[in-house]
Amino acid sequence: GMNSLFQDENFEIAETISVTTMDEWCAQNQIQKLDYVKMDIEGSELFALQGGEKTLQKFKPRLVIEINPKTCQRAGYQSEDLVKYILDLGYAIYSIERGGETRKIT
């Protein structure tokens, strides 16, 4: 766990992988419907959303995103930047509480 493209001094690179954007992947695979996106990608969330902006605007899927201030900071942005980007896309933000209940934050 806790793998990230943005390492701190306690981690070492174990493997090199290739990545693409959500927009590129959806176009290449001719995706016609997208209902749900879950992201737990240790600091890459903002960049993933930016790389999927056209797809998100087209399909408006529900998003479940872990926001970890420490991994955001390692990636070079603040968690508030991620929240603002999500809001600017037209989404409301909810937290998932114990027991699976949701609570609207913004």
N, C-alpha and C. Protein backbone atom coordinates (compact mmCIF):
# COMPACT_ATOMS: atom_id res chain seq x y z
N GLY A 1 0.80 -1.18 0.00
CA GLY A 1 0.00 0.00 0.00
C GLY A 1 0.85 1.26 0.00
N MET A 2 0.16 2.37 -0.17
CA MET A 2 0.77 3.70 -0.13
C MET A 2 1.76 3.93 -1.27
N ASN A 3 1.57 3.28 -2.39
CA ASN A 3 2.42 3.55 -3.55
C ASN A 3 2.00 4.87 -4.17
N SER A 4 2.98 5.60 -4.66
CA SER A 4 2.71 6.92 -5.21
C SER A 4 3.74 7.26 -6.27
N LEU A 5 3.35 8.10 -7.20
CA LEU A 5 4.31 8.64 -8.16
C LEU A 5 5.17 9.70 -7.50
N PHE A 6 4.77 10.16 -6.33
CA PHE A 6 5.44 11.24 -5.62
C PHE A 6 5.99 10.70 -4.31
N GLN A 7 7.23 10.32 -4.32
CA GLN A 7 7.85 9.65 -3.18
C GLN A 7 8.43 10.64 -2.19
N ASP A 8 8.50 10.22 -0.93
CA ASP A 8 9.26 10.98 0.05
C ASP A 8 10.51 10.16 0.39
N GLU A 9 11.25 10.58 1.37
CA GLU A 9 12.54 9.95 1.67
C GLU A 9 12.41 8.53 2.19
N ASN A 10 11.23 8.10 2.59
CA ASN A 10 11.05 6.76 3.14
C ASN A 10 10.71 5.71 2.10
N PHE A 11 10.57 6.10 0.86
CA PHE A 11 10.18 5.16 -0.18
C PHE A 11 11.26 5.04 -1.23
N GLU A 12 11.27 3.91 -1.89
CA GLU A 12 12.16 3.75 -3.04
C GLU A 12 11.35 3.21 -4.20
N ILE A 13 11.80 3.49 -5.40
CA ILE A 13 11.09 3.06 -6.60
C ILE A 13 11.29 1.56 -6.77
N ALA A 14 10.18 0.85 -6.83
CA ALA A 14 10.22 -0.60 -6.97
C ALA A 14 9.95 -1.03 -8.40
N GLU A 15 9.26 -0.19 -9.15
CA GLU A 15 8.84 -0.58 -10.48
C GLU A 15 8.51 0.67 -11.28
N THR A 16 8.73 0.64 -12.57
CA THR A 16 8.36 1.73 -13.46
C THR A 16 7.16 1.29 -14.28
N ILE A 17 6.15 2.13 -14.33
CA ILE A 17 4.94 1.81 -15.09
C ILE A 17 4.64 2.94 -16.06
N SER A 18 3.86 2.63 -17.08
CA SER A 18 3.41 3.69 -17.99
C SER A 18 2.01 4.11 -17.57
N VAL A 19 1.71 5.37 -17.80
CA VAL A 19 0.40 5.91 -17.46
C VAL A 19 -0.18 6.64 -18.66
N THR A 20 -1.48 6.84 -18.64
CA THR A 20 -2.17 7.60 -19.67
C THR A 20 -3.23 8.43 -18.96
N THR A 21 -3.89 9.29 -19.69
CA THR A 21 -4.96 10.08 -19.08
C THR A 21 -6.30 9.36 -19.25
N MET A 22 -7.24 9.74 -18.43
CA MET A 22 -8.59 9.19 -18.54
C MET A 22 -9.19 9.56 -19.89
N ASP A 23 -8.98 10.80 -20.34
CA ASP A 23 -9.50 11.22 -21.64
C ASP A 23 -8.93 10.37 -22.77
N GLU A 24 -7.63 10.15 -22.76
CA GLU A 24 -7.00 9.34 -23.81
C GLU A 24 -7.50 7.90 -23.76
N TRP A 25 -7.57 7.33 -22.56
CA TRP A 25 -7.99 5.94 -22.42
C TRP A 25 -9.44 5.75 -22.88
N CYS A 26 -10.32 6.67 -22.47
CA CYS A 26 -11.72 6.57 -22.87
C CYS A 26 -11.89 6.74 -24.38
N ALA A 27 -11.12 7.63 -24.98
CA ALA A 27 -11.18 7.81 -26.44
C ALA A 27 -10.67 6.57 -27.16
N GLN A 28 -9.52 6.05 -26.72
CA GLN A 28 -8.95 4.87 -27.36
C GLN A 28 -9.85 3.65 -27.25
N ASN A 29 -10.58 3.54 -26.17
CA ASN A 29 -11.45 2.39 -25.93
C ASN A 29 -12.90 2.67 -26.27
N GLN A 30 -13.16 3.82 -26.88
CA GLN A 30 -14.49 4.22 -27.34
C GLN A 30 -15.56 4.04 -26.25
N ILE A 31 -15.26 4.55 -25.07
CA ILE A 31 -16.18 4.45 -23.95
C ILE A 31 -17.42 5.30 -24.23
N GLN A 32 -18.59 4.71 -24.10
CA GLN A 32 -19.84 5.39 -24.39
C GLN A 32 -20.62 5.77 -23.14
N LYS A 33 -20.23 5.21 -21.98
CA LYS A 33 -20.93 5.50 -20.75
C LYS A 33 -19.96 5.32 -19.59
N LEU A 34 -20.01 6.22 -18.63
CA LEU A 34 -19.17 6.13 -17.45
C LEU A 34 -19.99 6.64 -16.27
N ASP A 35 -20.30 5.74 -15.33
CA ASP A 35 -21.17 6.08 -14.22
C ASP A 35 -20.42 6.41 -12.93
N TYR A 36 -19.22 5.85 -12.76
CA TYR A 36 -18.57 5.87 -11.45
C TYR A 36 -17.06 5.83 -11.61
N VAL A 37 -16.37 6.68 -10.87
CA VAL A 37 -14.90 6.68 -10.87
C VAL A 37 -14.45 6.70 -9.41
N LYS A 38 -13.59 5.76 -9.04
CA LYS A 38 -13.01 5.72 -7.70
C LYS A 38 -11.52 5.98 -7.83
N MET A 39 -11.01 6.93 -7.04
CA MET A 39 -9.59 7.26 -7.06
C MET A 39 -9.01 7.20 -5.66
N ASP A 40 -7.97 6.41 -5.53
CA ASP A 40 -7.15 6.37 -4.32
C ASP A 40 -5.74 6.21 -4.85
N ILE A 41 -5.19 7.31 -5.36
CA ILE A 41 -3.94 7.23 -6.12
C ILE A 41 -2.84 8.12 -5.55
N GLU A 42 -2.90 8.28 -4.25
CA GLU A 42 -1.80 8.83 -3.44
C GLU A 42 -1.14 10.08 -4.00
N GLY A 43 -1.95 11.13 -4.18
CA GLY A 43 -1.41 12.41 -4.61
C GLY A 43 -1.62 12.73 -6.07
N SER A 44 -1.98 11.74 -6.86
CA SER A 44 -2.18 11.96 -8.29
C SER A 44 -3.62 12.33 -8.64
N GLU A 45 -4.47 12.47 -7.64
CA GLU A 45 -5.89 12.72 -7.90
C GLU A 45 -6.14 13.97 -8.73
N LEU A 46 -5.50 15.08 -8.39
CA LEU A 46 -5.72 16.31 -9.14
C LEU A 46 -5.30 16.13 -10.59
N PHE A 47 -4.16 15.50 -10.82
CA PHE A 47 -3.67 15.31 -12.18
C PHE A 47 -4.56 14.35 -12.97
N ALA A 48 -5.08 13.34 -12.30
CA ALA A 48 -6.00 12.41 -12.96
C ALA A 48 -7.28 13.11 -13.38
N LEU A 49 -7.81 13.95 -12.50
CA LEU A 49 -9.01 14.71 -12.85
C LEU A 49 -8.74 15.66 -14.02
N GLN A 50 -7.60 16.33 -13.99
CA GLN A 50 -7.25 17.23 -15.08
C GLN A 50 -7.12 16.46 -16.40
N GLY A 51 -6.57 15.27 -16.33
CA GLY A 51 -6.42 14.44 -17.53
C GLY A 51 -7.70 13.76 -17.96
N GLY A 52 -8.75 13.92 -17.17
CA GLY A 52 -10.04 13.35 -17.52
C GLY A 52 -11.15 14.38 -17.60
N GLU A 53 -10.76 15.64 -17.69
CA GLU A 53 -11.76 16.71 -17.63
C GLU A 53 -12.83 16.58 -18.71
N LYS A 54 -12.45 16.29 -19.95
CA LYS A 54 -13.44 16.15 -21.03
C LYS A 54 -14.38 14.98 -20.74
N THR A 55 -13.83 13.89 -20.27
CA THR A 55 -14.63 12.71 -19.95
C THR A 55 -15.59 13.00 -18.80
N LEU A 56 -15.10 13.69 -17.77
CA LEU A 56 -15.94 14.02 -16.62
C LEU A 56 -17.06 14.98 -17.02
N GLN A 57 -16.75 15.94 -17.87
CA GLN A 57 -17.78 16.88 -18.33
C GLN A 57 -18.82 16.19 -19.21
N LYS A 58 -18.37 15.23 -20.00
CA LYS A 58 -19.28 14.53 -20.90
C LYS A 58 -20.22 13.58 -20.15
N PHE A 59 -19.67 12.77 -19.24
CA PHE A 59 -20.46 11.72 -18.60
C PHE A 59 -20.96 12.07 -17.20
N LYS A 60 -20.35 13.03 -16.53
CA LYS A 60 -20.70 13.41 -15.16
C LYS A 60 -20.83 12.18 -14.24
N PRO A 61 -19.81 11.34 -14.19
CA PRO A 61 -19.90 10.16 -13.31
C PRO A 61 -19.83 10.57 -11.84
N ARG A 62 -20.32 9.72 -10.98
CA ARG A 62 -20.11 9.91 -9.55
C ARG A 62 -18.63 9.67 -9.28
N LEU A 63 -18.06 10.46 -8.39
CA LEU A 63 -16.65 10.33 -8.05
C LEU A 63 -16.50 9.96 -6.58
N VAL A 64 -15.64 9.02 -6.30
CA VAL A 64 -15.22 8.72 -4.94
C VAL A 64 -13.72 8.90 -4.93
N ILE A 65 -13.26 9.89 -4.16
CA ILE A 65 -11.86 10.27 -4.19
C ILE A 65 -11.33 10.38 -2.77
N GLU A 66 -10.27 9.68 -2.48
CA GLU A 66 -9.60 9.87 -1.20
C GLU A 66 -8.77 11.14 -1.29
N ILE A 67 -8.94 12.03 -0.32
CA ILE A 67 -8.15 13.25 -0.27
C ILE A 67 -7.25 13.18 0.95
N ASN A 68 -5.96 13.08 0.70
CA ASN A 68 -4.96 12.97 1.76
C ASN A 68 -4.04 14.18 1.66
N PRO A 69 -4.13 15.11 2.59
CA PRO A 69 -3.32 16.34 2.50
C PRO A 69 -1.82 16.07 2.36
N LYS A 70 -1.31 15.04 3.00
CA LYS A 70 0.13 14.76 2.94
C LYS A 70 0.57 14.33 1.53
N THR A 71 -0.22 13.47 0.89
CA THR A 71 0.17 13.04 -0.46
C THR A 71 -0.07 14.14 -1.48
N CYS A 72 -1.09 14.97 -1.26
CA CYS A 72 -1.29 16.13 -2.14
C CYS A 72 -0.06 17.04 -2.09
N GLN A 73 0.39 17.32 -0.88
CA GLN A 73 1.55 18.19 -0.70
C GLN A 73 2.80 17.61 -1.36
N ARG A 74 3.00 16.31 -1.23
CA ARG A 74 4.16 15.67 -1.88
C ARG A 74 4.09 15.82 -3.39
N ALA A 75 2.86 15.87 -3.93
CA ALA A 75 2.67 16.02 -5.37
C ALA A 75 2.78 17.47 -5.83
N GLY A 76 2.89 18.40 -4.87
CA GLY A 76 3.12 19.79 -5.23
C GLY A 76 1.89 20.68 -5.21
N TYR A 77 0.82 20.21 -4.60
CA TYR A 77 -0.37 21.04 -4.48
C TYR A 77 -0.99 20.81 -3.11
N GLN A 78 -1.97 21.62 -2.75
CA GLN A 78 -2.66 21.50 -1.47
C GLN A 78 -4.00 20.78 -1.68
N SER A 79 -4.48 20.12 -0.65
CA SER A 79 -5.76 19.42 -0.76
C SER A 79 -6.88 20.40 -1.14
N GLU A 80 -6.76 21.65 -0.71
CA GLU A 80 -7.75 22.67 -1.07
C GLU A 80 -7.80 22.90 -2.58
N ASP A 81 -6.65 22.74 -3.26
CA ASP A 81 -6.62 22.87 -4.72
C ASP A 81 -7.46 21.77 -5.37
N LEU A 82 -7.37 20.57 -4.82
CA LEU A 82 -8.15 19.45 -5.33
C LEU A 82 -9.64 19.69 -5.10
N VAL A 83 -10.01 20.15 -3.92
CA VAL A 83 -11.40 20.45 -3.61
C VAL A 83 -11.94 21.52 -4.55
N LYS A 84 -11.17 22.58 -4.76
CA LYS A 84 -11.60 23.66 -5.65
C LYS A 84 -11.80 23.15 -7.08
N TYR A 85 -10.89 22.31 -7.54
CA TYR A 85 -11.01 21.77 -8.90
C TYR A 85 -12.29 20.95 -9.05
N ILE A 86 -12.58 20.12 -8.05
CA ILE A 86 -13.79 19.30 -8.08
C ILE A 86 -15.03 20.19 -8.10
N LEU A 87 -15.04 21.22 -7.27
CA LEU A 87 -16.18 22.15 -7.25
C LEU A 87 -16.32 22.88 -8.58
N ASP A 88 -15.18 23.28 -9.16
CA ASP A 88 -15.21 23.99 -10.44
C ASP A 88 -15.75 23.11 -11.57
N LEU A 89 -15.64 21.79 -11.41
CA LEU A 89 -16.21 20.86 -12.40
C LEU A 89 -17.72 20.74 -12.25
N GLY A 90 -18.26 21.34 -11.19
CA GLY A 90 -19.71 21.31 -10.99
C GLY A 90 -20.19 20.24 -10.03
N TYR A 91 -19.26 19.63 -9.31
CA TYR A 91 -19.63 18.59 -8.36
C TYR A 91 -19.86 19.18 -6.98
N ALA A 92 -20.70 18.54 -6.19
CA ALA A 92 -20.82 18.80 -4.76
C ALA A 92 -19.91 17.80 -4.07
N ILE A 93 -19.50 18.11 -2.85
CA ILE A 93 -18.57 17.22 -2.14
C ILE A 93 -19.24 16.71 -0.87
N TYR A 94 -19.16 15.41 -0.70
CA TYR A 94 -19.70 14.72 0.46
C TYR A 94 -18.58 13.92 1.12
N SER A 95 -18.68 13.75 2.41
CA SER A 95 -17.77 12.83 3.09
C SER A 95 -18.53 11.53 3.32
N ILE A 96 -17.80 10.44 3.37
CA ILE A 96 -18.39 9.15 3.70
C ILE A 96 -18.10 8.89 5.17
N GLU A 97 -19.14 8.82 5.95
CA GLU A 97 -19.03 8.65 7.39
C GLU A 97 -19.01 7.16 7.75
N ARG A 98 -18.77 6.88 9.01
CA ARG A 98 -18.83 5.50 9.49
C ARG A 98 -20.21 4.93 9.18
N GLY A 99 -20.23 3.69 8.80
CA GLY A 99 -21.49 3.05 8.47
C GLY A 99 -21.94 3.33 7.05
N GLY A 100 -21.14 4.09 6.29
CA GLY A 100 -21.46 4.35 4.90
C GLY A 100 -22.38 5.53 4.65
N GLU A 101 -22.78 6.21 5.71
CA GLU A 101 -23.63 7.40 5.54
C GLU A 101 -22.81 8.50 4.87
N THR A 102 -23.49 9.35 4.08
CA THR A 102 -22.80 10.48 3.46
C THR A 102 -23.27 11.78 4.11
N ARG A 103 -22.35 12.77 4.11
CA ARG A 103 -22.64 14.08 4.68
C ARG A 103 -22.13 15.13 3.71
N LYS A 104 -23.00 16.03 3.25
CA LYS A 104 -22.60 17.06 2.31
C LYS A 104 -21.69 18.06 3.00
N ILE A 105 -20.54 18.32 2.35
CA ILE A 105 -19.58 19.28 2.86
C ILE A 105 -19.72 20.59 2.11
N THR A 106 -19.77 20.54 0.80
CA THR A 106 -19.95 21.74 -0.03
C THR A 106 -20.88 21.44 -1.17
